Amino acid sequence: MLKKKKIIAVILARSGSKRVKDKNIKLLNKKPLIYWTIKEAKKSKLIDRLVLSSDSLKYFEVAKKCGLKDFVKRPKRLSESNTTSIDSLIFTLNQIISTAENYDYCLLLEPTSPLRVVDDIDRSIKKIVSSNKAEALVSLSKVGNVHPQFMYEIQNDNFIKRFAKKLKKVTLHSESKKLFFLDGSIYISKIKSLYKRKSFYHEKTMSFILPKWKSYEIDDFIDFKIIEMIMKLKIK
């Protein structure tokens, strides 16, 4: 709790990953992937309740071994590849709010962003709770070398076409407009706003900037190797 605002954190972890089977419990640096998010979230003294939402009882068993005891089982229809995080999140909140006390803010933590730490979580919570205008907050990271001003599409005839036509043509990356991408590490919203807007992204969403090395997300086997390397370098 912060400034009398109650905060619930939800970890969404479905079992049906196509690129990497059981991705959310695959070992990353000798621990299940969900372990890294559970570990850091449990350190926070600002989170009032931490819940894992999944379609898999197997995932719940793994999470128990990681020290988590609070779970919401969601149906398979809300665990498909085309299911939105918002739909899964609102279902999870409905199960909790209908049977327990209400909360002011919801923090969504995706297991696929294992490099965020408790300091990132707490600073983002403090930032939005201290704002008089913001209804949501998302983490972003600065766009690096792969800037839209240097991107091209390949057309059907195999010729190239500039992707971002309206942006100023530049020759040096230092001249590029500063842009940021959603890195997936942290999403926070006032719960009333989340129900109303069904989104974290709108005109009352504020930013929380993370460094590039924390912005890596796990999508395939290569990502596992890259993040393992970053973790080992960080320890050293």
C-alpha atoms as a PDB file:
ATOM      1  CA  MET A   1       0.000   0.000   0.000  1.00  0.00           C
ATOM      2  CA  LEU A   2       1.150   3.512  -0.776  1.00  0.00           C
ATOM      3  CA  LYS A   3      -0.660   6.684   0.310  1.00  0.00           C
ATOM      4  CA  LYS A   4      -3.609   4.496   1.363  1.00  0.00           C
ATOM      5  CA  LYS A   5      -3.903   3.103  -2.186  1.00  0.00           C
ATOM      6  CA  LYS A   6      -4.161  -0.680  -2.350  1.00  0.00           C
ATOM      7  CA  ILE A   7      -2.211  -2.387  -5.119  1.00  0.00           C
ATOM      8  CA  ILE A   8      -2.692  -5.827  -6.591  1.00  0.00           C
ATOM      9  CA  ALA A   9      -0.059  -7.346  -8.882  1.00  0.00           C
ATOM     10  CA  VAL A  10      -1.014 -10.009 -11.418  1.00  0.00           C
ATOM     11  CA  ILE A  11       1.356 -12.330 -13.260  1.00  0.00           C
ATOM     12  CA  LEU A  12      -0.216 -13.728 -16.426  1.00  0.00           C
ATOM     13  CA  ALA A  13       1.329 -17.038 -17.486  1.00  0.00           C
ATOM     14  CA  ARG A  14      -0.513 -19.192 -19.989  1.00  0.00           C
ATOM     15  CA  SER A  15       0.764 -22.661 -20.874  1.00  0.00           C
ATOM     16  CA  GLY A  16       0.171 -22.726 -24.623  1.00  0.00           C
ATOM     17  CA  SER A  17       3.330 -21.118 -25.999  1.00  0.00           C
ATOM     18  CA  LYS A  18       3.939 -22.206 -29.594  1.00  0.00           C
ATOM     19  CA  ARG A  19       7.553 -21.147 -30.225  1.00  0.00           C
ATOM     20  CA  VAL A  20       8.886 -22.521 -26.941  1.00  0.00           C
ATOM     21  CA  LYS A  21       6.876 -25.231 -25.209  1.00  0.00           C
ATOM     22  CA  ASP A  22       5.965 -24.291 -21.630  1.00  0.00           C
ATOM     23  CA  LYS A  23       8.021 -21.132 -22.039  1.00  0.00           C
ATOM     24  CA  ASN A  24       6.905 -19.583 -18.764  1.00  0.00           C
ATOM     25  CA  ILE A  25       8.354 -22.443 -16.712  1.00  0.00           C
ATOM     26  CA  LYS A  26      11.346 -23.227 -18.908  1.00  0.00           C
ATOM     27  CA  LEU A  27      14.610 -22.905 -16.996  1.00  0.00           C
ATOM     28  CA  LEU A  28      16.369 -19.580 -17.266  1.00  0.00           C
ATOM     29  CA  ASN A  29      19.696 -19.484 -15.438  1.00  0.00           C
ATOM     30  CA  LYS A  30      18.680 -22.704 -13.635  1.00  0.00           C
ATOM     31  CA  LYS A  31      15.324 -21.326 -12.452  1.00  0.00           C
ATOM     32  CA  PRO A  32      11.824 -21.459 -14.016  1.00  0.00           C
ATOM     33  CA  LEU A  33      11.140 -18.293 -15.995  1.00  0.00           C
ATOM     34  CA  ILE A  34       8.270 -17.232 -13.712  1.00  0.00           C
ATOM     35  CA  TYR A  35      10.610 -17.446 -10.715  1.00  0.00           C
ATOM     36  CA  TRP A  36      12.398 -14.215 -11.638  1.00  0.00           C
ATOM     37  CA  THR A  37       9.195 -12.164 -11.699  1.00  0.00           C
ATOM     38  CA  ILE A  38       7.809 -13.783  -8.536  1.00  0.00           C
ATOM     39  CA  LYS A  39      11.083 -13.229  -6.682  1.00  0.00           C
ATOM     40  CA  GLU A  40      11.267  -9.494  -7.387  1.00  0.00           C
ATOM     41  CA  ALA A  41       7.541  -8.825  -6.909  1.00  0.00           C
ATOM     42  CA  LYS A  42       7.577 -10.532  -3.503  1.00  0.00           C
ATOM     43  CA  LYS A  43      10.315  -8.144  -2.363  1.00  0.00           C
ATOM     44  CA  SER A  44       8.044  -5.142  -2.856  1.00  0.00           C
ATOM     45  CA  LYS A  45       6.475  -3.694   0.276  1.00  0.00           C
ATOM     46  CA  LEU A  46       4.077  -1.622  -1.831  1.00  0.00           C
ATOM     47  CA  ILE A  47       2.226  -4.589  -3.363  1.00  0.00           C
ATOM     48  CA  ASP A  48      -0.668  -5.741  -1.195  1.00  0.00           C
ATOM     49  CA  ARG A  49      -1.426  -8.934  -3.111  1.00  0.00           C
ATOM     50  CA  LEU A  50       0.474 -10.952  -5.715  1.00  0.00           C
ATOM     51  CA  VAL A  51      -1.488 -13.375  -7.889  1.00  0.00           C
ATOM     52  CA  LEU A  52      -0.546 -15.810 -10.638  1.00  0.00           C
ATOM     53  CA  SER A  53      -3.229 -16.239 -13.300  1.00  0.00           C
ATOM     54  CA  SER A  54      -2.896 -19.305 -15.526  1.00  0.00           C
ATOM     55  CA  ASP A  55      -4.789 -22.069 -17.270  1.00  0.00           C
ATOM     56  CA  SER A  56      -2.312 -24.667 -15.995  1.00  0.00           C
ATOM     57  CA  LEU A  57      -2.282 -26.465 -12.638  1.00  0.00           C
ATOM     58  CA  LYS A  58       1.282 -27.474 -13.463  1.00  0.00           C
ATOM     59  CA  TYR A  59       2.243 -23.804 -13.495  1.00  0.00           C
ATOM     60  CA  PHE A  60       0.660 -23.335 -10.076  1.00  0.00           C
ATOM     61  CA  GLU A  61       2.776 -26.172  -8.686  1.00  0.00           C
ATOM     62  CA  VAL A  62       5.934 -24.604 -10.095  1.00  0.00           C
ATOM     63  CA  ALA A  63       4.927 -21.205  -8.675  1.00  0.00           C
ATOM     64  CA  LYS A  64       4.373 -22.738  -5.230  1.00  0.00           C
ATOM     65  CA  LYS A  65       7.970 -23.941  -5.262  1.00  0.00           C
ATOM     66  CA  CYS A  66       8.947 -20.341  -6.098  1.00  0.00           C
ATOM     67  CA  GLY A  67       7.174 -19.125  -2.962  1.00  0.00           C
ATOM     68  CA  LEU A  68       3.821 -17.986  -4.373  1.00  0.00           C
ATOM     69  CA  LYS A  69       0.546 -19.122  -2.808  1.00  0.00           C
ATOM     70  CA  ASP A  70      -2.156 -17.052  -4.533  1.00  0.00           C
ATOM     71  CA  PHE A  71      -3.634 -18.309  -7.822  1.00  0.00           C
ATOM     72  CA  VAL A  72      -6.526 -17.741 -10.205  1.00  0.00           C
ATOM     73  CA  LYS A  73      -7.391 -20.464 -12.685  1.00  0.00           C
ATOM     74  CA  ARG A  74      -8.654 -19.129 -15.978  1.00  0.00           C
ATOM     75  CA  PRO A  75     -10.353 -21.085 -18.788  1.00  0.00           C
ATOM     76  CA  LYS A  76      -8.595 -22.242 -21.955  1.00  0.00           C
ATOM     77  CA  ARG A  77     -10.585 -19.737 -24.007  1.00  0.00           C
ATOM     78  CA  LEU A  78      -8.681 -16.993 -22.171  1.00  0.00           C
ATOM     79  CA  SER A  79      -5.327 -18.674 -22.687  1.00  0.00           C
ATOM     80  CA  GLU A  80      -5.108 -18.936 -26.459  1.00  0.00           C
ATOM     81  CA  SER A  81      -2.467 -17.242 -28.605  1.00  0.00           C
ATOM     82  CA  ASN A  82      -5.018 -14.666 -29.788  1.00  0.00           C
ATOM     83  CA  THR A  83      -6.301 -13.883 -26.279  1.00  0.00           C
ATOM     84  CA  THR A  84      -5.475 -10.353 -25.186  1.00  0.00           C
ATOM     85  CA  SER A  85      -3.751  -9.669 -21.882  1.00  0.00           C
ATOM     86  CA  ILE A  86      -6.560  -7.254 -21.006  1.00  0.00           C
ATOM     87  CA  ASP A  87      -9.239  -9.941 -21.343  1.00  0.00           C
ATOM     88  CA  SER A  88      -7.223 -12.335 -19.172  1.00  0.00           C
ATOM     89  CA  LEU A  89      -6.460  -9.624 -16.651  1.00  0.00           C
ATOM     90  CA  ILE A  90     -10.047  -8.434 -16.280  1.00  0.00           C
ATOM     91  CA  PHE A  91     -11.248 -12.027 -15.861  1.00  0.00           C
ATOM     92  CA  THR A  92      -8.652 -12.475 -13.111  1.00  0.00           C
ATOM     93  CA  LEU A  93      -9.666  -9.255 -11.365  1.00  0.00           C
ATOM     94  CA  ASN A  94     -13.328 -10.247 -11.549  1.00  0.00           C
ATOM     95  CA  GLN A  95     -12.570 -13.469  -9.691  1.00  0.00           C
ATOM     96  CA  ILE A  96     -10.744 -11.550  -6.974  1.00  0.00           C
ATOM     97  CA  ILE A  97     -12.871  -8.434  -6.623  1.00  0.00           C
ATOM     98  CA  SER A  98     -16.102 -10.415  -6.502  1.00  0.00           C
ATOM     99  CA  THR A  99     -14.863 -12.508  -3.588  1.00  0.00           C
ATOM    100  CA  ALA A 100     -12.514 -10.182  -1.727  1.00  0.00           C
ATOM    101  CA  GLU A 101     -11.681  -6.574  -0.992  1.00  0.00           C
ATOM    102  CA  ASN A 102     -11.279  -3.934  -3.668  1.00  0.00           C
ATOM    103  CA  TYR A 103      -8.001  -2.507  -4.911  1.00  0.00           C
ATOM    104  CA  ASP A 104      -7.102   0.900  -6.350  1.00  0.00           C
ATOM    105  CA  TYR A 105      -4.321  -0.049  -8.777  1.00  0.00           C
ATOM    106  CA  CYS A 106      -3.485  -3.142 -10.800  1.00  0.00           C
ATOM    107  CA  LEU A 107       0.110  -3.945 -11.709  1.00  0.00           C
ATOM    108  CA  LEU A 108       0.584  -6.387 -14.597  1.00  0.00           C
ATOM    109  CA  LEU A 109       3.900  -8.238 -14.627  1.00  0.00           C
ATOM    110  CA  GLU A 110       4.698 -10.447 -17.614  1.00  0.00           C
ATOM    111  CA  PRO A 111       7.061 -13.388 -16.883  1.00  0.00           C
ATOM    112  CA  THR A 112       8.720 -12.809 -20.249  1.00  0.00           C
ATOM    113  CA  SER A 113      10.470  -9.696 -18.873  1.00  0.00           C
ATOM    114  CA  PRO A 114      12.729 -11.274 -16.241  1.00  0.00           C
ATOM    115  CA  LEU A 115      15.292  -8.468 -15.989  1.00  0.00           C
ATOM    116  CA  ARG A 116      13.087  -5.969 -14.155  1.00  0.00           C
ATOM    117  CA  VAL A 117      13.829  -5.762 -10.425  1.00  0.00           C
ATOM    118  CA  VAL A 118      11.942  -4.658  -7.332  1.00  0.00           C
ATOM    119  CA  ASP A 119      13.416  -1.154  -7.530  1.00  0.00           C
ATOM    120  CA  ASP A 120      11.851  -0.735 -10.981  1.00  0.00           C
ATOM    121  CA  ILE A 121       8.520  -1.996  -9.670  1.00  0.00           C
ATOM    122  CA  ASP A 122       8.487   0.263  -6.609  1.00  0.00           C
ATOM    123  CA  ARG A 123       9.635   3.386  -8.464  1.00  0.00           C
ATOM    124  CA  SER A 124       6.929   2.912 -11.095  1.00  0.00           C
ATOM    125  CA  ILE A 125       4.265   2.479  -8.413  1.00  0.00           C
ATOM    126  CA  LYS A 126       5.427   5.622  -6.609  1.00  0.00           C
ATOM    127  CA  LYS A 127       5.431   7.563  -9.855  1.00  0.00           C
ATOM    128  CA  ILE A 128       1.826   6.861 -10.804  1.00  0.00           C
ATOM    129  CA  VAL A 129       0.388   7.065  -7.282  1.00  0.00           C
ATOM    130  CA  SER A 130       2.065  10.469  -6.845  1.00  0.00           C
ATOM    131  CA  SER A 131       0.510  11.777 -10.072  1.00  0.00           C
ATOM    132  CA  ASN A 132      -2.740  13.723  -9.923  1.00  0.00           C
ATOM    133  CA  LYS A 133      -3.525  13.200 -13.613  1.00  0.00           C
ATOM    134  CA  ALA A 134      -2.217   9.798 -14.696  1.00  0.00           C
ATOM    135  CA  GLU A 135      -4.546   6.819 -14.904  1.00  0.00           C
ATOM    136  CA  ALA A 136      -1.958   4.370 -16.210  1.00  0.00           C
ATOM    137  CA  LEU A 137       1.786   3.837 -16.556  1.00  0.00           C
ATOM    138  CA  VAL A 138       3.826   1.688 -18.948  1.00  0.00           C
ATOM    139  CA  SER A 139       7.529   0.999 -19.165  1.00  0.00           C
ATOM    140  CA  LEU A 140       9.427   1.996 -22.271  1.00  0.00           C
ATOM    141  CA  SER A 141      12.959   1.860 -23.589  1.00  0.00           C
ATOM    142  CA  LYS A 142      14.663   4.129 -26.083  1.00  0.00           C
ATOM    143  CA  VAL A 143      14.707   2.968 -29.693  1.00  0.00           C
ATOM    144  CA  GLY A 144      18.299   2.223 -30.612  1.00  0.00           C
ATOM    145  CA  ASN A 145      19.941   1.540 -33.951  1.00  0.00           C
ATOM    146  CA  VAL A 146      16.787   0.065 -35.468  1.00  0.00           C
ATOM    147  CA  HIS A 147      15.087   3.443 -35.770  1.00  0.00           C
ATOM    148  CA  PRO A 148      11.930   3.829 -37.942  1.00  0.00           C
ATOM    149  CA  GLN A 149      13.726   6.473 -39.984  1.00  0.00           C
ATOM    150  CA  PHE A 150      16.111   3.771 -41.173  1.00  0.00           C
ATOM    151  CA  MET A 151      13.505   1.061 -41.811  1.00  0.00           C
ATOM    152  CA  TYR A 152      12.295  -0.116 -45.202  1.00  0.00           C
ATOM    153  CA  GLU A 153       9.520  -2.337 -46.490  1.00  0.00           C
ATOM    154  CA  ILE A 154      10.098  -4.886 -49.226  1.00  0.00           C
ATOM    155  CA  GLN A 155       7.315  -4.656 -51.804  1.00  0.00           C
ATOM    156  CA  ASN A 156       5.847  -7.458 -53.892  1.00  0.00           C
ATOM    157  CA  ASP A 157       8.174  -6.616 -56.777  1.00  0.00           C
ATOM    158  CA  ASN A 158      11.147  -6.967 -54.383  1.00  0.00           C
ATOM    159  CA  PHE A 159      11.942  -3.242 -54.484  1.00  0.00           C
ATOM    160  CA  ILE A 160      12.278  -1.341 -51.225  1.00  0.00           C
ATOM    161  CA  LYS A 161      10.165   1.505 -49.885  1.00  0.00           C
ATOM    162  CA  ARG A 162      10.853   3.758 -46.896  1.00  0.00           C
ATOM    163  CA  PHE A 163       8.638   2.706 -43.988  1.00  0.00           C
ATOM    164  CA  ALA A 164       8.298   6.087 -42.240  1.00  0.00           C
ATOM    165  CA  LYS A 165       7.562   8.557 -45.035  1.00  0.00           C
ATOM    166  CA  LYS A 166       6.650  11.513 -42.841  1.00  0.00           C
ATOM    167  CA  LEU A 167       9.786  11.480 -40.719  1.00  0.00           C
ATOM    168  CA  LYS A 168      12.669  13.732 -41.604  1.00  0.00           C
ATOM    169  CA  LYS A 169      15.305  12.031 -43.748  1.00  0.00           C
ATOM    170  CA  VAL A 170      18.574  11.891 -41.835  1.00  0.00           C
ATOM    171  CA  THR A 171      21.930  10.247 -42.366  1.00  0.00           C
ATOM    172  CA  LEU A 172      23.175  10.004 -38.771  1.00  0.00           C
ATOM    173  CA  HIS A 173      21.510   8.150 -35.906  1.00  0.00           C
ATOM    174  CA  SER A 174      22.322  11.070 -33.615  1.00  0.00           C
ATOM    175  CA  GLU A 175      20.009  13.231 -35.731  1.00  0.00           C
ATOM    176  CA  SER A 176      17.077  10.863 -35.296  1.00  0.00           C
ATOM    177  CA  LYS A 177      14.023  11.914 -33.356  1.00  0.00           C
ATOM    178  CA  LYS A 178      14.002  10.330 -29.891  1.00  0.00           C
ATOM    179  CA  LEU A 179      11.482   7.525 -29.901  1.00  0.00           C
ATOM    180  CA  PHE A 180      10.638   4.838 -27.365  1.00  0.00           C
ATOM    181  CA  PHE A 181       9.117   1.362 -27.604  1.00  0.00           C
ATOM    182  CA  LEU A 182       6.916  -0.503 -25.134  1.00  0.00           C
ATOM    183  CA  ASP A 183       9.271  -2.998 -23.534  1.00  0.00           C
ATOM    184  CA  GLY A 184       6.634  -5.077 -21.715  1.00  0.00           C
ATOM    185  CA  SER A 185       8.248  -4.986 -18.271  1.00  0.00           C
ATOM    186  CA  ILE A 186       5.691  -2.979 -16.288  1.00  0.00           C
ATOM    187  CA  TYR A 187       2.040  -2.019 -16.768  1.00  0.00           C
ATOM    188  CA  ILE A 188       0.029  -0.222 -14.092  1.00  0.00           C
ATOM    189  CA  SER A 189      -3.481   1.170 -14.171  1.00  0.00           C
ATOM    190  CA  LYS A 190      -6.133   2.480 -11.873  1.00  0.00           C
ATOM    191  CA  ILE A 191      -8.577  -0.388 -11.784  1.00  0.00           C
ATOM    192  CA  LYS A 192     -11.576   1.814 -12.545  1.00  0.00           C
ATOM    193  CA  SER A 193      -9.783   3.119 -15.633  1.00  0.00           C
ATOM    194  CA  LEU A 194      -8.799  -0.392 -16.714  1.00  0.00           C
ATOM    195  CA  TYR A 195     -12.415  -1.538 -16.655  1.00  0.00           C
ATOM    196  CA  LYS A 196     -13.560   1.567 -18.493  1.00  0.00           C
ATOM    197  CA  ARG A 197     -10.872   1.809 -21.165  1.00  0.00           C
ATOM    198  CA  LYS A 198      -9.891  -1.886 -21.540  1.00  0.00           C
ATOM    199  CA  SER A 199      -6.346  -0.679 -22.190  1.00  0.00           C
ATOM    200  CA  PHE A 200      -3.147   0.620 -20.596  1.00  0.00           C
ATOM    201  CA  TYR A 201      -2.504   2.953 -23.537  1.00  0.00           C
ATOM    202  CA  HIS A 202      -4.362   6.252 -23.757  1.00  0.00           C
ATOM    203  CA  GLU A 203      -3.945   9.993 -23.319  1.00  0.00           C
ATOM    204  CA  LYS A 204      -3.589   9.633 -19.543  1.00  0.00           C
ATOM    205  CA  THR A 205      -0.801   7.039 -19.648  1.00  0.00           C
ATOM    206  CA  MET A 206       2.561   8.145 -18.283  1.00  0.00           C
ATOM    207  CA  SER A 207       5.976   6.719 -19.099  1.00  0.00           C
ATOM    208  CA  PHE A 208       8.520   4.860 -17.018  1.00  0.00           C
ATOM    209  CA  ILE A 209      11.861   4.560 -18.807  1.00  0.00           C
ATOM    210  CA  LEU A 210      14.040   1.474 -18.418  1.00  0.00           C
ATOM    211  CA  PRO A 211      17.556   1.010 -19.820  1.00  0.00           C
ATOM    212  CA  LYS A 212      18.001  -1.052 -22.955  1.00  0.00           C
ATOM    213  CA  TRP A 213      19.528  -4.052 -21.188  1.00  0.00           C
ATOM    214  CA  LYS A 214      16.392  -4.500 -19.077  1.00  0.00           C
ATOM    215  CA  SER A 215      14.091  -4.281 -22.089  1.00  0.00           C
ATOM    216  CA  TYR A 216      14.843  -7.723 -23.517  1.00  0.00           C
ATOM    217  CA  GLU A 217      11.772  -9.983 -23.636  1.00  0.00           C
ATOM    218  CA  ILE A 218      11.711 -13.733 -24.037  1.00  0.00           C
ATOM    219  CA  ASP A 219      10.003 -14.894 -27.197  1.00  0.00           C
ATOM    220  CA  ASP A 220      12.245 -17.691 -28.477  1.00  0.00           C
ATOM    221  CA  PHE A 221      15.306 -19.799 -27.616  1.00  0.00           C
ATOM    222  CA  ILE A 222      17.742 -17.088 -28.688  1.00  0.00           C
ATOM    223  CA  ASP A 223      16.173 -14.675 -26.188  1.00  0.00           C
ATOM    224  CA  PHE A 224      16.777 -17.213 -23.402  1.00  0.00           C
ATOM    225  CA  LYS A 225      20.473 -17.326 -24.259  1.00  0.00           C
ATOM    226  CA  ILE A 226      20.814 -13.543 -24.522  1.00  0.00           C
ATOM    227  CA  ILE A 227      19.108 -12.925 -21.182  1.00  0.00           C
ATOM    228  CA  GLU A 228      21.098 -15.673 -19.462  1.00  0.00           C
ATOM    229  CA  MET A 229      24.262 -13.947 -20.643  1.00  0.00           C
ATOM    230  CA  ILE A 230      23.026 -10.572 -19.342  1.00  0.00           C
ATOM    231  CA  MET A 231      22.190 -12.123 -15.963  1.00  0.00           C
ATOM    232  CA  LYS A 232      25.630 -13.680 -15.668  1.00  0.00           C
ATOM    233  CA  LEU A 233      27.342 -10.420 -16.613  1.00  0.00           C
ATOM    234  CA  LYS A 234      25.203  -8.556 -14.078  1.00  0.00           C
ATOM    235  CA  ILE A 235      26.239 -10.980 -11.316  1.00  0.00           C
ATOM    236  CA  LYS A 236      29.909 -10.551 -12.203  1.00  0.00           C
END
